[in-house]
Amino acid sequence: MSDDTVVILAGVRTPIASFRGSFASLGAVELAAKAGRTALERSGLSPNDIEETLVGAVLTANCGQNVARQVAIAIGA
């Protein structure tokens, strides 16, 4: 078993909007990346401090594979 310390820096969610509503122009990765950047800003950490990214997404059509990895790359982690 590893002795590494686990830290959850922040929990951030996106606002709820209607289908084809105010966020219709943003894909799941783009929207999650905005939340990720906000979490980083609130924590005071840099993207280099992030070792793992977990993302929960419901509607990910046309996003490709591994949304969490795409978000991590988008925020510079």
N, C-alpha and C. Protein backbone atom coordinates (compact mmCIF):
# COMPACT_ATOMS: atom_id res chain seq x y z
N MET A 1 0.83 -1.18 0.00
CA MET A 1 0.00 0.00 0.00
C MET A 1 0.89 1.25 0.00
N SER A 2 0.51 2.23 -0.75
CA SER A 2 1.27 3.46 -0.89
C SER A 2 1.06 4.38 0.31
N ASP A 3 2.11 5.12 0.66
CA ASP A 3 2.01 6.12 1.73
C ASP A 3 1.78 7.52 1.17
N ASP A 4 1.49 7.63 -0.13
CA ASP A 4 1.26 8.93 -0.75
C ASP A 4 0.05 9.61 -0.13
N THR A 5 0.16 10.91 0.05
CA THR A 5 -0.96 11.70 0.56
C THR A 5 -1.90 12.03 -0.58
N VAL A 6 -3.19 11.88 -0.33
CA VAL A 6 -4.20 12.22 -1.32
C VAL A 6 -4.86 13.52 -0.90
N VAL A 7 -4.98 14.44 -1.84
CA VAL A 7 -5.59 15.74 -1.56
C VAL A 7 -6.66 16.01 -2.61
N ILE A 8 -7.85 16.33 -2.16
CA ILE A 8 -8.91 16.79 -3.06
C ILE A 8 -8.90 18.30 -2.97
N LEU A 9 -8.50 18.97 -4.06
CA LEU A 9 -8.31 20.41 -3.99
C LEU A 9 -9.61 21.18 -4.01
N ALA A 10 -10.59 20.73 -4.74
CA ALA A 10 -11.86 21.45 -4.80
C ALA A 10 -12.88 20.63 -5.57
N GLY A 11 -14.11 20.89 -5.27
CA GLY A 11 -15.19 20.32 -6.05
C GLY A 11 -15.91 21.48 -6.73
N VAL A 12 -15.94 21.47 -8.02
CA VAL A 12 -16.58 22.55 -8.77
C VAL A 12 -17.53 21.91 -9.77
N ARG A 13 -18.68 22.50 -9.91
CA ARG A 13 -19.62 21.98 -10.90
C ARG A 13 -20.03 23.10 -11.85
N THR A 14 -20.54 22.70 -12.96
CA THR A 14 -21.04 23.68 -13.92
C THR A 14 -22.49 24.01 -13.57
N PRO A 15 -22.98 25.16 -13.98
CA PRO A 15 -24.38 25.49 -13.75
C PRO A 15 -25.29 24.56 -14.55
N ILE A 16 -26.51 24.48 -14.14
CA ILE A 16 -27.50 23.68 -14.86
C ILE A 16 -28.20 24.58 -15.87
N ALA A 17 -28.34 24.10 -17.08
CA ALA A 17 -29.01 24.88 -18.13
C ALA A 17 -29.93 23.95 -18.91
N SER A 18 -30.83 24.52 -19.63
CA SER A 18 -31.76 23.75 -20.45
C SER A 18 -31.03 23.14 -21.64
N PHE A 19 -31.54 22.01 -22.12
CA PHE A 19 -31.01 21.39 -23.32
C PHE A 19 -31.09 22.39 -24.46
N ARG A 20 -30.00 22.56 -25.18
CA ARG A 20 -29.88 23.54 -26.27
C ARG A 20 -30.09 24.97 -25.77
N GLY A 21 -29.75 25.19 -24.50
CA GLY A 21 -29.92 26.51 -23.89
C GLY A 21 -28.63 27.32 -23.94
N SER A 22 -28.34 28.01 -22.85
CA SER A 22 -27.25 28.98 -22.82
C SER A 22 -25.86 28.38 -23.01
N PHE A 23 -25.70 27.07 -22.77
CA PHE A 23 -24.39 26.44 -22.94
C PHE A 23 -24.32 25.55 -24.18
N ALA A 24 -25.27 25.69 -25.07
CA ALA A 24 -25.35 24.81 -26.24
C ALA A 24 -24.10 24.88 -27.12
N SER A 25 -23.41 26.00 -27.12
CA SER A 25 -22.24 26.15 -27.99
C SER A 25 -20.98 25.52 -27.38
N LEU A 26 -21.05 25.08 -26.11
CA LEU A 26 -19.89 24.49 -25.45
C LEU A 26 -20.02 22.98 -25.39
N GLY A 27 -18.94 22.28 -25.70
CA GLY A 27 -18.92 20.84 -25.55
C GLY A 27 -18.64 20.46 -24.10
N ALA A 28 -18.80 19.19 -23.76
CA ALA A 28 -18.59 18.72 -22.39
C ALA A 28 -17.17 18.99 -21.91
N VAL A 29 -16.18 18.78 -22.76
CA VAL A 29 -14.78 18.99 -22.37
C VAL A 29 -14.53 20.47 -22.11
N GLU A 30 -15.02 21.32 -22.99
CA GLU A 30 -14.84 22.77 -22.83
C GLU A 30 -15.48 23.28 -21.54
N LEU A 31 -16.67 22.82 -21.27
CA LEU A 31 -17.39 23.24 -20.07
C LEU A 31 -16.69 22.71 -18.81
N ALA A 32 -16.26 21.46 -18.84
CA ALA A 32 -15.55 20.88 -17.69
C ALA A 32 -14.20 21.56 -17.48
N ALA A 33 -13.53 21.97 -18.56
CA ALA A 33 -12.25 22.67 -18.43
C ALA A 33 -12.44 24.02 -17.74
N LYS A 34 -13.55 24.70 -18.01
CA LYS A 34 -13.84 25.95 -17.32
C LYS A 34 -13.99 25.70 -15.82
N ALA A 35 -14.67 24.63 -15.45
CA ALA A 35 -14.81 24.27 -14.04
C ALA A 35 -13.45 23.91 -13.44
N GLY A 36 -12.63 23.20 -14.20
CA GLY A 36 -11.29 22.84 -13.73
C GLY A 36 -10.41 24.04 -13.49
N ARG A 37 -10.45 25.00 -14.39
CA ARG A 37 -9.67 26.23 -14.21
C ARG A 37 -10.14 26.98 -12.96
N THR A 38 -11.44 27.00 -12.74
CA THR A 38 -11.98 27.66 -11.55
C THR A 38 -11.51 26.96 -10.28
N ALA A 39 -11.50 25.63 -10.29
CA ALA A 39 -11.01 24.87 -9.13
C ALA A 39 -9.55 25.20 -8.85
N LEU A 40 -8.74 25.29 -9.90
CA LEU A 40 -7.33 25.64 -9.73
C LEU A 40 -7.18 27.05 -9.16
N GLU A 41 -7.93 28.00 -9.69
CA GLU A 41 -7.85 29.37 -9.20
C GLU A 41 -8.22 29.44 -7.72
N ARG A 42 -9.27 28.75 -7.33
CA ARG A 42 -9.73 28.77 -5.94
C ARG A 42 -8.73 28.11 -5.00
N SER A 43 -8.02 27.11 -5.49
CA SER A 43 -7.09 26.37 -4.64
C SER A 43 -5.75 27.07 -4.47
N GLY A 44 -5.39 27.90 -5.44
CA GLY A 44 -4.08 28.55 -5.40
C GLY A 44 -2.96 27.65 -5.90
N LEU A 45 -3.29 26.47 -6.41
CA LEU A 45 -2.28 25.55 -6.95
C LEU A 45 -2.05 25.84 -8.42
N SER A 46 -0.94 25.31 -8.93
CA SER A 46 -0.67 25.44 -10.36
C SER A 46 -1.04 24.13 -11.04
N PRO A 47 -1.24 24.16 -12.35
CA PRO A 47 -1.55 22.92 -13.07
C PRO A 47 -0.47 21.84 -12.89
N ASN A 48 0.77 22.25 -12.65
CA ASN A 48 1.86 21.29 -12.45
C ASN A 48 1.70 20.49 -11.16
N ASP A 49 0.88 20.97 -10.23
CA ASP A 49 0.65 20.27 -8.97
C ASP A 49 -0.35 19.13 -9.11
N ILE A 50 -1.05 19.06 -10.22
CA ILE A 50 -2.11 18.07 -10.42
C ILE A 50 -1.52 16.78 -10.96
N GLU A 51 -1.77 15.67 -10.27
CA GLU A 51 -1.30 14.36 -10.72
C GLU A 51 -2.40 13.51 -11.32
N GLU A 52 -3.64 13.77 -10.93
CA GLU A 52 -4.75 12.97 -11.44
C GLU A 52 -6.00 13.84 -11.49
N THR A 53 -6.81 13.63 -12.51
CA THR A 53 -8.03 14.41 -12.69
C THR A 53 -9.21 13.46 -12.83
N LEU A 54 -10.25 13.71 -12.06
CA LEU A 54 -11.49 12.92 -12.16
C LEU A 54 -12.60 13.85 -12.62
N VAL A 55 -13.37 13.40 -13.60
CA VAL A 55 -14.44 14.21 -14.16
C VAL A 55 -15.68 13.35 -14.29
N GLY A 56 -16.80 13.87 -13.87
CA GLY A 56 -18.08 13.20 -14.09
C GLY A 56 -18.84 13.93 -15.17
N ALA A 57 -19.24 13.24 -16.20
CA ALA A 57 -19.97 13.86 -17.31
C ALA A 57 -21.08 12.93 -17.77
N VAL A 58 -22.25 13.48 -18.02
CA VAL A 58 -23.39 12.66 -18.41
C VAL A 58 -23.52 12.58 -19.92
N LEU A 59 -23.62 13.70 -20.59
CA LEU A 59 -23.80 13.72 -22.05
C LEU A 59 -22.47 14.07 -22.71
N THR A 60 -21.77 13.05 -23.18
CA THR A 60 -20.44 13.27 -23.75
C THR A 60 -20.36 12.90 -25.23
N ALA A 61 -21.47 12.92 -25.92
CA ALA A 61 -21.47 12.57 -27.35
C ALA A 61 -20.52 13.48 -28.11
N ASN A 62 -19.80 12.90 -29.04
CA ASN A 62 -18.85 13.62 -29.90
C ASN A 62 -17.67 14.21 -29.14
N CYS A 63 -17.35 13.66 -27.97
CA CYS A 63 -16.22 14.16 -27.18
C CYS A 63 -14.97 13.31 -27.35
N GLY A 64 -15.09 12.17 -27.96
CA GLY A 64 -13.95 11.28 -28.03
C GLY A 64 -13.83 10.48 -26.75
N GLN A 65 -12.68 9.87 -26.56
CA GLN A 65 -12.48 9.02 -25.39
C GLN A 65 -11.81 9.78 -24.26
N ASN A 66 -12.01 9.30 -23.06
CA ASN A 66 -11.35 9.77 -21.85
C ASN A 66 -11.50 11.29 -21.64
N VAL A 67 -12.69 11.69 -21.31
CA VAL A 67 -13.00 13.11 -21.11
C VAL A 67 -12.12 13.71 -20.02
N ALA A 68 -11.86 12.97 -18.94
CA ALA A 68 -11.03 13.50 -17.85
C ALA A 68 -9.63 13.85 -18.35
N ARG A 69 -9.06 13.02 -19.20
CA ARG A 69 -7.72 13.32 -19.74
C ARG A 69 -7.77 14.56 -20.62
N GLN A 70 -8.79 14.69 -21.44
CA GLN A 70 -8.92 15.87 -22.28
C GLN A 70 -9.03 17.14 -21.44
N VAL A 71 -9.78 17.06 -20.34
CA VAL A 71 -9.92 18.21 -19.44
C VAL A 71 -8.58 18.54 -18.79
N ALA A 72 -7.87 17.52 -18.32
CA ALA A 72 -6.56 17.74 -17.70
C ALA A 72 -5.61 18.45 -18.66
N ILE A 73 -5.60 18.02 -19.90
CA ILE A 73 -4.75 18.66 -20.91
C ILE A 73 -5.20 20.10 -21.14
N ALA A 74 -6.50 20.33 -21.18
CA ALA A 74 -7.03 21.68 -21.43
C ALA A 74 -6.67 22.65 -20.31
N ILE A 75 -6.54 22.15 -19.07
CA ILE A 75 -6.19 23.06 -17.96
C ILE A 75 -4.69 23.09 -17.70
N GLY A 76 -3.94 22.34 -18.50
CA GLY A 76 -2.48 22.37 -18.39
C GLY A 76 -1.90 21.42 -17.36
N ALA A 77 -2.71 20.48 -16.88
CA ALA A 77 -2.22 19.54 -15.85
C ALA A 77 -1.48 18.38 -16.48
